[in-house]
Amino acid sequence: MRRRSGFDLVRTSLLLAGVMSLVGCANSNHVGTLNLETSGAKVATTLQKQLATKGFPNAKVTCAKTLVINVGGTEACRLTGAGTNSTVHFTFKNYSGKIAPASVKAS
């Protein structure tokens, strides 16, 4: 039986650490893995309704054609008709594209 040198053990340990880090990274981005998207027009309509309840009845929201659903991350769309505010920020509540109402903020 061949005896392993210290170098072989270090190399094996580093290789295992690299593989484990790659496995961990693969599970950290569910959005990229699931590739969930939603219609920007649908999101814009929802945001306009929510902004109307927050005192911006004439708000017009324009979003990209499609939006990647990134649950918990802050997203933004263009806003007009809401005074000096030019952006609406919001957060997706779940992977079906629901928006957390409390997260909707005009700025």
N, C-alpha and C. Protein backbone atom coordinates (compact mmCIF):
# COMPACT_ATOMS: atom_id res chain seq x y z
N MET A 1 0.84 -1.17 0.00
CA MET A 1 0.00 0.00 0.00
C MET A 1 0.89 1.24 0.00
N ARG A 2 0.56 2.18 -0.86
CA ARG A 2 1.35 3.40 -1.01
C ARG A 2 1.00 4.38 0.10
N ARG A 3 2.00 4.97 0.67
CA ARG A 3 1.80 5.92 1.74
C ARG A 3 1.62 7.32 1.13
N ARG A 4 0.62 8.07 1.59
CA ARG A 4 0.34 9.40 1.06
C ARG A 4 1.26 10.44 1.69
N SER A 5 1.72 11.33 0.87
CA SER A 5 2.57 12.40 1.37
C SER A 5 1.70 13.53 1.90
N GLY A 6 2.28 14.46 2.59
CA GLY A 6 1.57 15.63 3.10
C GLY A 6 0.98 16.44 1.97
N PHE A 7 1.71 16.51 0.85
CA PHE A 7 1.22 17.27 -0.31
C PHE A 7 -0.06 16.66 -0.86
N ASP A 8 -0.12 15.32 -0.94
CA ASP A 8 -1.32 14.65 -1.44
C ASP A 8 -2.53 14.95 -0.56
N LEU A 9 -2.32 14.97 0.72
CA LEU A 9 -3.43 15.25 1.64
C LEU A 9 -3.92 16.69 1.50
N VAL A 10 -2.99 17.62 1.35
CA VAL A 10 -3.37 19.02 1.17
C VAL A 10 -4.13 19.19 -0.14
N ARG A 11 -3.63 18.58 -1.19
CA ARG A 11 -4.28 18.69 -2.51
C ARG A 11 -5.69 18.11 -2.45
N THR A 12 -5.87 16.97 -1.83
CA THR A 12 -7.18 16.34 -1.71
C THR A 12 -8.12 17.22 -0.88
N SER A 13 -7.63 17.80 0.19
CA SER A 13 -8.45 18.67 1.03
C SER A 13 -8.90 19.91 0.27
N LEU A 14 -7.99 20.51 -0.50
CA LEU A 14 -8.35 21.69 -1.29
C LEU A 14 -9.37 21.35 -2.37
N LEU A 15 -9.21 20.20 -2.99
CA LEU A 15 -10.15 19.76 -4.00
C LEU A 15 -11.55 19.57 -3.40
N LEU A 16 -11.62 18.92 -2.26
CA LEU A 16 -12.91 18.73 -1.59
C LEU A 16 -13.53 20.06 -1.18
N ALA A 17 -12.73 20.98 -0.70
CA ALA A 17 -13.25 22.30 -0.31
C ALA A 17 -13.80 23.03 -1.52
N GLY A 18 -13.12 22.94 -2.65
CA GLY A 18 -13.60 23.58 -3.88
C GLY A 18 -14.91 23.00 -4.35
N VAL A 19 -15.03 21.68 -4.31
CA VAL A 19 -16.28 21.02 -4.72
C VAL A 19 -17.42 21.42 -3.79
N MET A 20 -17.16 21.44 -2.51
CA MET A 20 -18.21 21.81 -1.53
C MET A 20 -18.66 23.25 -1.73
N SER A 21 -17.74 24.15 -2.05
CA SER A 21 -18.13 25.54 -2.25
C SER A 21 -18.97 25.69 -3.51
N LEU A 22 -18.68 24.92 -4.54
CA LEU A 22 -19.49 24.96 -5.76
C LEU A 22 -20.89 24.42 -5.51
N VAL A 23 -20.99 23.37 -4.74
CA VAL A 23 -22.30 22.82 -4.42
C VAL A 23 -23.11 23.83 -3.62
N GLY A 24 -22.49 24.51 -2.70
CA GLY A 24 -23.18 25.53 -1.91
C GLY A 24 -23.64 26.69 -2.77
N CYS A 25 -22.84 27.13 -3.72
CA CYS A 25 -23.20 28.24 -4.61
C CYS A 25 -24.35 27.86 -5.51
N ALA A 26 -24.42 26.63 -5.92
CA ALA A 26 -25.47 26.21 -6.83
C ALA A 26 -26.85 26.34 -6.20
N ASN A 27 -26.94 26.22 -4.89
CA ASN A 27 -28.23 26.29 -4.23
C ASN A 27 -28.57 27.68 -3.73
N SER A 28 -27.70 28.66 -3.83
CA SER A 28 -27.95 29.97 -3.24
C SER A 28 -28.79 30.88 -4.11
N ASN A 29 -28.91 30.61 -5.40
CA ASN A 29 -29.66 31.50 -6.28
C ASN A 29 -30.82 30.75 -6.90
N HIS A 30 -31.93 30.70 -6.19
CA HIS A 30 -33.11 30.00 -6.67
C HIS A 30 -33.69 30.65 -7.91
N VAL A 31 -33.58 31.96 -8.03
CA VAL A 31 -34.13 32.67 -9.18
C VAL A 31 -33.44 32.19 -10.46
N GLY A 32 -32.12 32.13 -10.43
CA GLY A 32 -31.40 31.67 -11.61
C GLY A 32 -31.70 30.22 -11.92
N THR A 33 -31.85 29.41 -10.90
CA THR A 33 -32.14 28.00 -11.09
C THR A 33 -33.55 27.80 -11.63
N LEU A 34 -34.51 28.51 -11.06
CA LEU A 34 -35.91 28.34 -11.45
C LEU A 34 -36.27 29.18 -12.67
N ASN A 35 -35.53 30.27 -12.90
CA ASN A 35 -35.78 31.17 -14.02
C ASN A 35 -37.23 31.64 -14.06
N LEU A 36 -37.75 32.12 -12.93
CA LEU A 36 -39.12 32.58 -12.86
C LEU A 36 -39.22 34.02 -13.31
N GLU A 37 -40.15 34.27 -14.20
CA GLU A 37 -40.37 35.61 -14.71
C GLU A 37 -41.86 35.92 -14.64
N THR A 38 -42.18 37.21 -14.69
CA THR A 38 -43.56 37.65 -14.73
C THR A 38 -43.68 38.81 -15.71
N SER A 39 -44.87 39.08 -16.11
CA SER A 39 -45.14 40.16 -17.07
C SER A 39 -44.95 41.52 -16.40
N GLY A 40 -44.17 42.37 -17.05
CA GLY A 40 -43.97 43.72 -16.53
C GLY A 40 -45.26 44.52 -16.53
N ALA A 41 -46.12 44.30 -17.52
CA ALA A 41 -47.41 45.01 -17.60
C ALA A 41 -48.30 44.63 -16.43
N LYS A 42 -48.30 43.36 -16.06
CA LYS A 42 -49.10 42.90 -14.92
C LYS A 42 -48.59 43.54 -13.62
N VAL A 43 -47.28 43.57 -13.45
CA VAL A 43 -46.68 44.19 -12.27
C VAL A 43 -47.03 45.68 -12.23
N ALA A 44 -46.94 46.36 -13.37
CA ALA A 44 -47.23 47.79 -13.44
C ALA A 44 -48.67 48.08 -13.02
N THR A 45 -49.61 47.26 -13.48
CA THR A 45 -51.01 47.44 -13.10
C THR A 45 -51.20 47.28 -11.60
N THR A 46 -50.60 46.26 -11.04
CA THR A 46 -50.69 46.03 -9.59
C THR A 46 -50.09 47.20 -8.82
N LEU A 47 -48.94 47.67 -9.27
CA LEU A 47 -48.29 48.79 -8.58
C LEU A 47 -49.12 50.06 -8.67
N GLN A 48 -49.74 50.32 -9.82
CA GLN A 48 -50.60 51.52 -9.96
C GLN A 48 -51.76 51.47 -8.98
N LYS A 49 -52.37 50.30 -8.82
CA LYS A 49 -53.48 50.14 -7.86
C LYS A 49 -52.99 50.39 -6.43
N GLN A 50 -51.84 49.85 -6.11
CA GLN A 50 -51.32 50.02 -4.75
C GLN A 50 -50.89 51.47 -4.50
N LEU A 51 -50.34 52.13 -5.50
CA LEU A 51 -49.96 53.54 -5.34
C LEU A 51 -51.19 54.43 -5.18
N ALA A 52 -52.29 54.08 -5.85
CA ALA A 52 -53.52 54.86 -5.71
C ALA A 52 -54.01 54.84 -4.27
N THR A 53 -53.87 53.70 -3.59
CA THR A 53 -54.29 53.63 -2.19
C THR A 53 -53.33 54.38 -1.26
N LYS A 54 -52.14 54.70 -1.77
CA LYS A 54 -51.14 55.42 -0.98
C LYS A 54 -51.12 56.91 -1.31
N GLY A 55 -52.14 57.39 -2.05
CA GLY A 55 -52.24 58.81 -2.31
C GLY A 55 -51.73 59.27 -3.67
N PHE A 56 -51.50 58.34 -4.59
CA PHE A 56 -51.04 58.70 -5.93
C PHE A 56 -52.03 58.14 -6.97
N PRO A 57 -53.25 58.73 -7.08
CA PRO A 57 -54.27 58.18 -7.97
C PRO A 57 -53.93 58.32 -9.46
N ASN A 58 -53.06 59.25 -9.83
CA ASN A 58 -52.70 59.46 -11.24
C ASN A 58 -51.38 58.82 -11.62
N ALA A 59 -50.86 57.97 -10.77
CA ALA A 59 -49.56 57.34 -11.04
C ALA A 59 -49.64 56.42 -12.24
N LYS A 60 -48.63 56.51 -13.08
CA LYS A 60 -48.48 55.64 -14.25
C LYS A 60 -47.15 54.92 -14.09
N VAL A 61 -47.19 53.59 -14.06
CA VAL A 61 -45.99 52.78 -13.85
C VAL A 61 -45.62 52.08 -15.15
N THR A 62 -44.33 52.11 -15.47
CA THR A 62 -43.81 51.42 -16.64
C THR A 62 -42.67 50.51 -16.19
N CYS A 63 -42.81 49.22 -16.45
CA CYS A 63 -41.79 48.24 -16.10
C CYS A 63 -41.23 47.61 -17.37
N ALA A 64 -40.14 46.90 -17.24
CA ALA A 64 -39.60 46.13 -18.36
C ALA A 64 -40.64 45.12 -18.83
N LYS A 65 -40.51 44.64 -20.04
CA LYS A 65 -41.48 43.69 -20.61
C LYS A 65 -41.65 42.46 -19.71
N THR A 66 -40.55 41.93 -19.23
CA THR A 66 -40.58 40.82 -18.27
C THR A 66 -39.67 41.15 -17.10
N LEU A 67 -40.04 40.67 -15.94
CA LEU A 67 -39.24 40.87 -14.73
C LEU A 67 -38.92 39.51 -14.13
N VAL A 68 -37.69 39.32 -13.70
CA VAL A 68 -37.30 38.11 -12.99
C VAL A 68 -37.78 38.24 -11.55
N ILE A 69 -38.45 37.22 -11.07
CA ILE A 69 -38.97 37.25 -9.70
C ILE A 69 -37.84 36.91 -8.74
N ASN A 70 -37.42 37.91 -7.98
CA ASN A 70 -36.36 37.77 -7.00
C ASN A 70 -36.98 38.05 -5.63
N VAL A 71 -37.48 37.01 -4.98
CA VAL A 71 -38.19 37.16 -3.72
C VAL A 71 -37.28 37.79 -2.67
N GLY A 72 -37.77 38.86 -2.06
CA GLY A 72 -37.04 39.54 -1.00
C GLY A 72 -36.10 40.63 -1.49
N GLY A 73 -35.78 40.65 -2.77
CA GLY A 73 -34.91 41.69 -3.32
C GLY A 73 -35.74 42.89 -3.74
N THR A 74 -35.16 44.07 -3.66
CA THR A 74 -35.87 45.28 -4.05
C THR A 74 -35.79 45.46 -5.56
N GLU A 75 -36.94 45.66 -6.18
CA GLU A 75 -37.04 45.88 -7.62
C GLU A 75 -37.49 47.32 -7.85
N ALA A 76 -37.41 47.79 -9.08
CA ALA A 76 -37.82 49.16 -9.39
C ALA A 76 -38.43 49.24 -10.78
N CYS A 77 -39.41 50.14 -10.91
CA CYS A 77 -40.01 50.46 -12.20
C CYS A 77 -40.12 51.97 -12.31
N ARG A 78 -40.27 52.44 -13.52
CA ARG A 78 -40.37 53.88 -13.77
C ARG A 78 -41.77 54.38 -13.37
N LEU A 79 -41.80 55.59 -12.82
CA LEU A 79 -43.04 56.16 -12.30
C LEU A 79 -43.23 57.57 -12.83
N THR A 80 -44.43 57.87 -13.34
CA THR A 80 -44.80 59.23 -13.75
C THR A 80 -46.16 59.56 -13.14
N GLY A 81 -46.48 60.84 -13.06
CA GLY A 81 -47.77 61.27 -12.52
C GLY A 81 -47.88 61.16 -11.02
N ALA A 82 -46.76 61.14 -10.34
CA ALA A 82 -46.75 61.04 -8.87
C ALA A 82 -45.88 62.13 -8.28
N GLY A 83 -46.10 63.36 -8.75
CA GLY A 83 -45.33 64.49 -8.24
C GLY A 83 -43.87 64.40 -8.66
N THR A 84 -42.99 64.61 -7.72
CA THR A 84 -41.55 64.59 -8.01
C THR A 84 -40.97 63.18 -8.01
N ASN A 85 -41.77 62.20 -7.69
CA ASN A 85 -41.31 60.81 -7.66
C ASN A 85 -41.16 60.26 -9.07
N SER A 86 -40.05 59.61 -9.35
CA SER A 86 -39.83 59.07 -10.68
C SER A 86 -39.58 57.55 -10.69
N THR A 87 -39.57 56.95 -9.53
CA THR A 87 -39.33 55.51 -9.41
C THR A 87 -40.25 54.92 -8.35
N VAL A 88 -40.70 53.71 -8.60
CA VAL A 88 -41.43 52.97 -7.57
C VAL A 88 -40.61 51.72 -7.26
N HIS A 89 -40.32 51.53 -5.98
CA HIS A 89 -39.56 50.38 -5.51
C HIS A 89 -40.53 49.41 -4.85
N PHE A 90 -40.27 48.12 -5.01
CA PHE A 90 -41.15 47.11 -4.43
C PHE A 90 -40.39 45.80 -4.25
N THR A 91 -41.02 44.87 -3.54
CA THR A 91 -40.43 43.56 -3.28
C THR A 91 -41.45 42.49 -3.62
N PHE A 92 -41.00 41.44 -4.33
CA PHE A 92 -41.87 40.30 -4.57
C PHE A 92 -42.01 39.51 -3.27
N LYS A 93 -43.24 39.15 -2.97
CA LYS A 93 -43.56 38.43 -1.73
C LYS A 93 -43.32 36.92 -1.88
N ASN A 94 -43.56 36.39 -3.09
CA ASN A 94 -43.40 34.95 -3.31
C ASN A 94 -43.05 34.70 -4.78
N TYR A 95 -42.80 33.44 -5.12
CA TYR A 95 -42.37 33.09 -6.47
C TYR A 95 -43.51 33.08 -7.48
N SER A 96 -44.75 33.31 -7.04
CA SER A 96 -45.85 33.42 -8.00
C SER A 96 -46.01 34.86 -8.48
N GLY A 97 -45.16 35.77 -8.00
CA GLY A 97 -45.17 37.14 -8.48
C GLY A 97 -45.99 38.12 -7.66
N LYS A 98 -46.49 37.69 -6.51
CA LYS A 98 -47.23 38.61 -5.63
C LYS A 98 -46.29 39.65 -5.07
N ILE A 99 -46.78 40.87 -4.98
CA ILE A 99 -45.98 41.98 -4.46
C ILE A 99 -46.37 42.25 -3.02
N ALA A 100 -45.41 42.44 -2.15
CA ALA A 100 -45.67 42.78 -0.76
C ALA A 100 -46.16 44.21 -0.71
N PRO A 101 -47.45 44.46 -0.38
CA PRO A 101 -48.00 45.82 -0.41
C PRO A 101 -47.22 46.83 0.42
N ALA A 102 -46.72 46.42 1.57
CA ALA A 102 -45.98 47.35 2.43
C ALA A 102 -44.65 47.76 1.83
N SER A 103 -44.18 47.01 0.84
CA SER A 103 -42.87 47.32 0.23
C SER A 103 -42.96 48.39 -0.86
N VAL A 104 -44.15 48.71 -1.32
CA VAL A 104 -44.32 49.65 -2.44
C VAL A 104 -44.05 51.07 -1.97
N LYS A 105 -42.99 51.68 -2.54
CA LYS A 105 -42.58 53.03 -2.15
C LYS A 105 -42.24 53.85 -3.38
N ALA A 106 -42.82 55.04 -3.47
CA ALA A 106 -42.50 55.97 -4.56
C ALA A 106 -41.34 56.85 -4.10
N SER A 107 -40.39 57.07 -5.02
CA SER A 107 -39.27 57.95 -4.69
C SER A 107 -38.81 58.70 -5.91
